[in-house]
Amino acid sequence: GAYEPQAVSPWLIEPFVRRRQPSILYGDGGEGKSTLAIALGLSLASGISIIPGVTVLGSGNVYMLDFESDVDDSVGVAHDLAKGAGITFPRQRMFYRRLSGSLADHIDNIAADFAVHDISLVIVDSLVAAGGVDANESEAARMYFNSVRTFGCASIGVTHVTKAQSNGTEHAKPFGSAFWWNLARIAWQVKRTQEEGQPAATLGLYHRKGN
């Protein structure tokens, strides 16, 4: 009864990320999901949208939790994106941690980091690796969403589709249990097209779910 609705926009990065809500980017391997997630994080950290058509409302600190790659790939991509966009890399606003096991195993240490650095957005790459158990089990999705909810900030989870879905099914869903889809507030499918021998690729972004 004492709560007063906030007058600020519910969006952190429109139309991909809402404040304190979980979003998912999903698609086949090599489609550009991780690069897109990093570009969104870089936009928020710098306060400058580097993606046409995307609106960043203010700026905030970003934390990348990497379960698949390493710092040279993840942070290196962020530096390359900043250089390509002609902006200064926001060194004091982007943080990185390389992890193994499940996200739930590290929740105490991560939460302590988030409190110190006042994190607005966490990027988790990838959900299958961060689940700790079989992604087809509902428990994997439940543990992940409970973990990011504990952080009290917005999140972007990067994940895959099944091979059968990636071979032509336009309305594919994230790999694993249906609860990955059910518990996400926003879900975007990423598809990449690139002509052979051409240096540029086009990313198709399909808004599949929005609560």
C-alpha atoms as a PDB file:
ATOM      1  CA  GLY A   1       0.000   0.000   0.000  1.00  0.00           C
ATOM      2  CA  ALA A   2       2.919   2.340   0.550  1.00  0.00           C
ATOM      3  CA  TYR A   3       4.404   1.722  -2.892  1.00  0.00           C
ATOM      4  CA  GLU A   4       4.336   4.581  -5.385  1.00  0.00           C
ATOM      5  CA  PRO A   5       4.847   3.605  -9.085  1.00  0.00           C
ATOM      6  CA  GLN A   6       7.995   5.122 -10.546  1.00  0.00           C
ATOM      7  CA  ALA A   7       7.641   7.752 -13.238  1.00  0.00           C
ATOM      8  CA  VAL A   8      10.743   6.570 -15.136  1.00  0.00           C
ATOM      9  CA  SER A   9      10.458   4.362 -18.213  1.00  0.00           C
ATOM     10  CA  PRO A  10      10.443   0.609 -17.509  1.00  0.00           C
ATOM     11  CA  TRP A  11      13.003   0.205 -20.286  1.00  0.00           C
ATOM     12  CA  LEU A  12      16.745   0.047 -19.753  1.00  0.00           C
ATOM     13  CA  ILE A  13      17.564  -0.686 -23.401  1.00  0.00           C
ATOM     14  CA  GLU A  14      14.487  -0.422 -25.610  1.00  0.00           C
ATOM     15  CA  PRO A  15      13.266  -2.790 -27.041  1.00  0.00           C
ATOM     16  CA  PHE A  16      15.556  -5.490 -25.607  1.00  0.00           C
ATOM     17  CA  VAL A  17      15.919  -5.039 -21.851  1.00  0.00           C
ATOM     18  CA  ARG A  18      13.521  -3.872 -19.157  1.00  0.00           C
ATOM     19  CA  ARG A  19      14.692  -2.788 -15.717  1.00  0.00           C
ATOM     20  CA  ARG A  20      15.190  -5.726 -13.308  1.00  0.00           C
ATOM     21  CA  GLN A  21      13.710  -8.178 -15.835  1.00  0.00           C
ATOM     22  CA  PRO A  22      15.258 -11.205 -17.618  1.00  0.00           C
ATOM     23  CA  SER A  23      15.653 -11.188 -21.404  1.00  0.00           C
ATOM     24  CA  ILE A  24      16.883 -13.962 -23.701  1.00  0.00           C
ATOM     25  CA  LEU A  25      18.695 -13.833 -27.042  1.00  0.00           C
ATOM     26  CA  TYR A  26      18.593 -17.185 -28.798  1.00  0.00           C
ATOM     27  CA  GLY A  27      19.505 -18.705 -32.137  1.00  0.00           C
ATOM     28  CA  ASP A  28      21.751 -21.192 -33.880  1.00  0.00           C
ATOM     29  CA  GLY A  29      25.496 -21.274 -33.229  1.00  0.00           C
ATOM     30  CA  GLY A  30      27.515 -18.515 -34.890  1.00  0.00           C
ATOM     31  CA  GLU A  31      24.520 -16.265 -35.525  1.00  0.00           C
ATOM     32  CA  GLY A  32      25.940 -13.271 -33.639  1.00  0.00           C
ATOM     33  CA  LYS A  33      24.004 -13.631 -30.371  1.00  0.00           C
ATOM     34  CA  SER A  34      26.989 -13.035 -28.093  1.00  0.00           C
ATOM     35  CA  THR A  35      28.224 -10.082 -30.138  1.00  0.00           C
ATOM     36  CA  LEU A  36      24.747  -8.538 -30.038  1.00  0.00           C
ATOM     37  CA  ALA A  37      24.559  -9.015 -26.258  1.00  0.00           C
ATOM     38  CA  ILE A  38      27.962  -7.367 -25.810  1.00  0.00           C
ATOM     39  CA  ALA A  39      26.912  -4.494 -28.103  1.00  0.00           C
ATOM     40  CA  LEU A  40      23.825  -3.934 -25.948  1.00  0.00           C
ATOM     41  CA  GLY A  41      25.965  -3.972 -22.812  1.00  0.00           C
ATOM     42  CA  LEU A  42      28.478  -1.580 -24.336  1.00  0.00           C
ATOM     43  CA  SER A  43      25.637   0.768 -25.321  1.00  0.00           C
ATOM     44  CA  LEU A  44      24.366   0.869 -21.743  1.00  0.00           C
ATOM     45  CA  ALA A  45      27.820   1.240 -20.201  1.00  0.00           C
ATOM     46  CA  SER A  46      28.740   4.114 -22.529  1.00  0.00           C
ATOM     47  CA  GLY A  47      25.281   5.683 -22.570  1.00  0.00           C
ATOM     48  CA  ILE A  48      25.518   5.717 -26.379  1.00  0.00           C
ATOM     49  CA  SER A  49      23.493   3.311 -28.515  1.00  0.00           C
ATOM     50  CA  ILE A  50      25.790   1.746 -31.110  1.00  0.00           C
ATOM     51  CA  ILE A  51      22.901  -0.205 -32.672  1.00  0.00           C
ATOM     52  CA  PRO A  52      20.522   1.628 -35.041  1.00  0.00           C
ATOM     53  CA  GLY A  53      16.953   1.724 -33.754  1.00  0.00           C
ATOM     54  CA  VAL A  54      17.904   0.855 -30.171  1.00  0.00           C
ATOM     55  CA  THR A  55      17.282   3.408 -27.413  1.00  0.00           C
ATOM     56  CA  VAL A  56      19.429   3.460 -24.273  1.00  0.00           C
ATOM     57  CA  LEU A  57      17.781   5.211 -21.348  1.00  0.00           C
ATOM     58  CA  GLY A  58      20.678   6.660 -19.383  1.00  0.00           C
ATOM     59  CA  SER A  59      23.737   4.560 -18.597  1.00  0.00           C
ATOM     60  CA  GLY A  60      24.701   1.844 -16.131  1.00  0.00           C
ATOM     61  CA  ASN A  61      27.345  -0.641 -15.103  1.00  0.00           C
ATOM     62  CA  VAL A  62      27.448  -3.975 -16.928  1.00  0.00           C
ATOM     63  CA  TYR A  63      28.775  -7.356 -15.771  1.00  0.00           C
ATOM     64  CA  MET A  64      29.591 -10.159 -18.231  1.00  0.00           C
ATOM     65  CA  LEU A  65      29.464 -13.717 -16.850  1.00  0.00           C
ATOM     66  CA  ASP A  66      31.239 -15.957 -19.342  1.00  0.00           C
ATOM     67  CA  PHE A  67      30.637 -19.713 -19.175  1.00  0.00           C
ATOM     68  CA  GLU A  68      31.793 -20.520 -22.726  1.00  0.00           C
ATOM     69  CA  SER A  69      34.644 -18.326 -23.943  1.00  0.00           C
ATOM     70  CA  ASP A  70      37.491 -16.332 -22.396  1.00  0.00           C
ATOM     71  CA  VAL A  71      38.393 -12.725 -21.679  1.00  0.00           C
ATOM     72  CA  ASP A  72      40.198 -12.153 -24.988  1.00  0.00           C
ATOM     73  CA  ASP A  73      37.120 -13.125 -26.971  1.00  0.00           C
ATOM     74  CA  SER A  74      34.464 -11.453 -24.834  1.00  0.00           C
ATOM     75  CA  VAL A  75      36.204  -8.265 -23.703  1.00  0.00           C
ATOM     76  CA  GLY A  76      38.155  -8.143 -26.952  1.00  0.00           C
ATOM     77  CA  VAL A  77      34.882  -8.021 -28.893  1.00  0.00           C
ATOM     78  CA  ALA A  78      33.688  -5.172 -26.655  1.00  0.00           C
ATOM     79  CA  HIS A  79      36.863  -3.185 -27.421  1.00  0.00           C
ATOM     80  CA  ASP A  80      36.489  -3.869 -31.153  1.00  0.00           C
ATOM     81  CA  LEU A  81      32.861  -2.728 -31.089  1.00  0.00           C
ATOM     82  CA  ALA A  82      33.789   0.473 -29.268  1.00  0.00           C
ATOM     83  CA  LYS A  83      36.547   1.158 -31.787  1.00  0.00           C
ATOM     84  CA  GLY A  84      34.213   0.497 -34.712  1.00  0.00           C
ATOM     85  CA  ALA A  85      31.552   2.782 -33.235  1.00  0.00           C
ATOM     86  CA  GLY A  86      34.108   5.536 -32.603  1.00  0.00           C
ATOM     87  CA  ILE A  87      33.489   5.719 -28.849  1.00  0.00           C
ATOM     88  CA  THR A  88      35.784   5.483 -25.845  1.00  0.00           C
ATOM     89  CA  PHE A  89      35.664   2.083 -24.175  1.00  0.00           C
ATOM     90  CA  PRO A  90      33.932   2.534 -20.761  1.00  0.00           C
ATOM     91  CA  ARG A  91      36.587   0.832 -18.636  1.00  0.00           C
ATOM     92  CA  GLN A  92      35.041   1.802 -15.306  1.00  0.00           C
ATOM     93  CA  ARG A  93      31.568   0.545 -16.250  1.00  0.00           C
ATOM     94  CA  MET A  94      32.154  -2.926 -17.729  1.00  0.00           C
ATOM     95  CA  PHE A  95      33.153  -5.935 -15.633  1.00  0.00           C
ATOM     96  CA  TYR A  96      33.973  -9.521 -16.536  1.00  0.00           C
ATOM     97  CA  ARG A  97      34.149 -12.884 -14.795  1.00  0.00           C
ATOM     98  CA  ARG A  98      35.010 -16.249 -16.380  1.00  0.00           C
ATOM     99  CA  LEU A  99      33.112 -19.082 -14.707  1.00  0.00           C
ATOM    100  CA  SER A 100      32.529 -22.835 -14.803  1.00  0.00           C
ATOM    101  CA  GLY A 101      29.906 -24.991 -13.140  1.00  0.00           C
ATOM    102  CA  SER A 102      26.471 -23.501 -12.525  1.00  0.00           C
ATOM    103  CA  LEU A 103      25.537 -19.880 -11.957  1.00  0.00           C
ATOM    104  CA  ALA A 104      23.926 -20.874  -8.661  1.00  0.00           C
ATOM    105  CA  ASP A 105      27.326 -22.164  -7.408  1.00  0.00           C
ATOM    106  CA  HIS A 106      28.794 -18.645  -7.629  1.00  0.00           C
ATOM    107  CA  ILE A 107      25.810 -16.575  -6.572  1.00  0.00           C
ATOM    108  CA  ASP A 108      27.248 -15.279  -3.274  1.00  0.00           C
ATOM    109  CA  ASN A 109      30.505 -13.988  -4.803  1.00  0.00           C
ATOM    110  CA  ILE A 110      28.710 -12.505  -7.795  1.00  0.00           C
ATOM    111  CA  ALA A 111      26.083 -10.796  -5.629  1.00  0.00           C
ATOM    112  CA  ALA A 112      28.867  -9.223  -3.546  1.00  0.00           C
ATOM    113  CA  ASP A 113      30.496  -7.872  -6.726  1.00  0.00           C
ATOM    114  CA  PHE A 114      27.161  -6.515  -7.925  1.00  0.00           C
ATOM    115  CA  ALA A 115      26.607  -4.654  -4.676  1.00  0.00           C
ATOM    116  CA  VAL A 116      30.066  -3.050  -4.807  1.00  0.00           C
ATOM    117  CA  HIS A 117      29.852  -2.038  -8.465  1.00  0.00           C
ATOM    118  CA  ASP A 118      26.140  -1.113  -8.604  1.00  0.00           C
ATOM    119  CA  ILE A 119      25.417  -3.333 -11.612  1.00  0.00           C
ATOM    120  CA  SER A 120      22.436  -2.450 -13.826  1.00  0.00           C
ATOM    121  CA  LEU A 121      22.746  -5.293 -16.351  1.00  0.00           C
ATOM    122  CA  VAL A 122      24.267  -8.781 -16.288  1.00  0.00           C
ATOM    123  CA  ILE A 123      25.007 -10.742 -19.473  1.00  0.00           C
ATOM    124  CA  VAL A 124      25.134 -14.542 -19.078  1.00  0.00           C
ATOM    125  CA  ASP A 125      26.684 -16.528 -21.933  1.00  0.00           C
ATOM    126  CA  SER A 126      25.430 -19.157 -22.209  1.00  0.00           C
ATOM    127  CA  LEU A 127      22.348 -20.409 -20.388  1.00  0.00           C
ATOM    128  CA  VAL A 128      23.030 -24.074 -21.174  1.00  0.00           C
ATOM    129  CA  ALA A 129      26.507 -23.870 -19.664  1.00  0.00           C
ATOM    130  CA  ALA A 130      25.317 -21.798 -16.693  1.00  0.00           C
ATOM    131  CA  GLY A 131      22.472 -24.145 -15.787  1.00  0.00           C
ATOM    132  CA  GLY A 132      24.611 -26.736 -14.028  1.00  0.00           C
ATOM    133  CA  VAL A 133      22.184 -29.531 -14.940  1.00  0.00           C
ATOM    134  CA  ASP A 134      20.571 -30.796 -18.146  1.00  0.00           C
ATOM    135  CA  ALA A 135      18.950 -27.826 -19.910  1.00  0.00           C
ATOM    136  CA  ASN A 136      15.983 -30.067 -20.698  1.00  0.00           C
ATOM    137  CA  GLU A 137      15.164 -30.260 -16.997  1.00  0.00           C
ATOM    138  CA  SER A 138      12.860 -27.571 -15.610  1.00  0.00           C
ATOM    139  CA  GLU A 139      15.179 -27.267 -12.593  1.00  0.00           C
ATOM    140  CA  ALA A 140      17.934 -25.793 -14.782  1.00  0.00           C
ATOM    141  CA  ALA A 141      15.713 -22.897 -15.878  1.00  0.00           C
ATOM    142  CA  ARG A 142      14.299 -22.404 -12.390  1.00  0.00           C
ATOM    143  CA  MET A 143      17.771 -22.192 -10.826  1.00  0.00           C
ATOM    144  CA  TYR A 144      18.969 -19.715 -13.441  1.00  0.00           C
ATOM    145  CA  PHE A 145      16.006 -17.329 -13.170  1.00  0.00           C
ATOM    146  CA  ASN A 146      16.055 -17.503  -9.373  1.00  0.00           C
ATOM    147  CA  SER A 147      19.764 -16.601  -9.454  1.00  0.00           C
ATOM    148  CA  VAL A 148      19.420 -13.557 -11.712  1.00  0.00           C
ATOM    149  CA  ARG A 149      16.377 -12.415  -9.733  1.00  0.00           C
ATOM    150  CA  THR A 150      18.564 -12.433  -6.619  1.00  0.00           C
ATOM    151  CA  PHE A 151      20.936  -9.941  -8.277  1.00  0.00           C
ATOM    152  CA  GLY A 152      18.146  -7.369  -8.498  1.00  0.00           C
ATOM    153  CA  CYS A 153      19.160  -6.109 -11.952  1.00  0.00           C
ATOM    154  CA  ALA A 154      18.245  -6.680 -15.586  1.00  0.00           C
ATOM    155  CA  SER A 155      19.745  -9.662 -17.397  1.00  0.00           C
ATOM    156  CA  ILE A 156      20.434 -10.908 -20.908  1.00  0.00           C
ATOM    157  CA  GLY A 157      20.814 -14.663 -21.260  1.00  0.00           C
ATOM    158  CA  VAL A 158      22.367 -16.010 -24.463  1.00  0.00           C
ATOM    159  CA  THR A 159      21.309 -19.463 -25.596  1.00  0.00           C
ATOM    160  CA  HIS A 160      20.758 -21.798 -28.550  1.00  0.00           C
ATOM    161  CA  VAL A 161      17.934 -23.543 -30.374  1.00  0.00           C
ATOM    162  CA  THR A 162      17.751 -27.250 -31.092  1.00  0.00           C
ATOM    163  CA  LYS A 163      19.264 -28.421 -34.378  1.00  0.00           C
ATOM    164  CA  ALA A 164      15.843 -29.422 -35.707  1.00  0.00           C
ATOM    165  CA  GLN A 165      14.458 -25.969 -34.989  1.00  0.00           C
ATOM    166  CA  SER A 166      17.439 -24.177 -36.493  1.00  0.00           C
ATOM    167  CA  ASN A 167      16.946 -25.966 -39.814  1.00  0.00           C
ATOM    168  CA  GLY A 168      14.129 -23.816 -41.118  1.00  0.00           C
ATOM    169  CA  THR A 169      11.620 -23.439 -38.270  1.00  0.00           C
ATOM    170  CA  GLU A 170      11.080 -19.697 -38.086  1.00  0.00           C
ATOM    171  CA  HIS A 171       9.362 -19.668 -34.691  1.00  0.00           C
ATOM    172  CA  ALA A 172      11.984 -21.700 -32.865  1.00  0.00           C
ATOM    173  CA  LYS A 173      12.266 -21.531 -29.084  1.00  0.00           C
ATOM    174  CA  PRO A 174      15.279 -21.660 -26.747  1.00  0.00           C
ATOM    175  CA  PHE A 175      16.989 -25.019 -26.345  1.00  0.00           C
ATOM    176  CA  GLY A 176      15.857 -27.196 -23.450  1.00  0.00           C
ATOM    177  CA  SER A 177      12.928 -27.109 -21.064  1.00  0.00           C
ATOM    178  CA  ALA A 178       9.859 -25.019 -21.910  1.00  0.00           C
ATOM    179  CA  PHE A 179      10.535 -23.080 -18.702  1.00  0.00           C
ATOM    180  CA  TRP A 180      13.408 -21.181 -20.387  1.00  0.00           C
ATOM    181  CA  TRP A 181      10.691 -19.668 -22.559  1.00  0.00           C
ATOM    182  CA  ASN A 182       8.014 -19.432 -19.877  1.00  0.00           C
ATOM    183  CA  LEU A 183      10.138 -17.615 -17.274  1.00  0.00           C
ATOM    184  CA  ALA A 184      11.801 -15.130 -19.620  1.00  0.00           C
ATOM    185  CA  ARG A 185      10.033 -11.761 -19.834  1.00  0.00           C
ATOM    186  CA  ILE A 186      11.459 -10.874 -23.261  1.00  0.00           C
ATOM    187  CA  ALA A 187      12.791 -13.244 -25.936  1.00  0.00           C
ATOM    188  CA  TRP A 188      14.453 -12.325 -29.218  1.00  0.00           C
ATOM    189  CA  GLN A 189      15.463 -14.810 -31.901  1.00  0.00           C
ATOM    190  CA  VAL A 190      18.632 -13.971 -33.854  1.00  0.00           C
ATOM    191  CA  LYS A 191      19.194 -15.093 -37.450  1.00  0.00           C
ATOM    192  CA  ARG A 192      22.228 -14.255 -39.544  1.00  0.00           C
ATOM    193  CA  THR A 193      22.585 -14.123 -43.323  1.00  0.00           C
ATOM    194  CA  GLN A 194      25.854 -13.585 -45.152  1.00  0.00           C
ATOM    195  CA  GLU A 195      26.679 -14.052 -48.791  1.00  0.00           C
ATOM    196  CA  GLU A 196      29.701 -16.209 -49.504  1.00  0.00           C
ATOM    197  CA  GLY A 197      32.865 -14.151 -49.847  1.00  0.00           C
ATOM    198  CA  GLN A 198      31.287 -10.990 -48.427  1.00  0.00           C
ATOM    199  CA  PRO A 199      32.723  -9.353 -45.272  1.00  0.00           C
ATOM    200  CA  ALA A 200      29.383  -8.004 -44.001  1.00  0.00           C
ATOM    201  CA  ALA A 201      26.518  -9.990 -42.492  1.00  0.00           C
ATOM    202  CA  THR A 202      22.920  -9.063 -41.744  1.00  0.00           C
ATOM    203  CA  LEU A 203      21.299  -9.972 -38.431  1.00  0.00           C
ATOM    204  CA  GLY A 204      17.557 -10.543 -38.408  1.00  0.00           C
ATOM    205  CA  LEU A 205      16.111  -9.867 -34.943  1.00  0.00           C
ATOM    206  CA  TYR A 206      12.671 -11.371 -34.281  1.00  0.00           C
ATOM    207  CA  HIS A 207      10.721 -10.373 -31.179  1.00  0.00           C
ATOM    208  CA  ARG A 208       9.128 -13.675 -30.170  1.00  0.00           C
ATOM    209  CA  LYS A 209       7.957 -12.904 -26.636  1.00  0.00           C
ATOM    210  CA  GLY A 210       7.233  -9.796 -24.629  1.00  0.00           C
ATOM    211  CA  ASN A 211       5.554  -9.513 -21.205  1.00  0.00           C
END
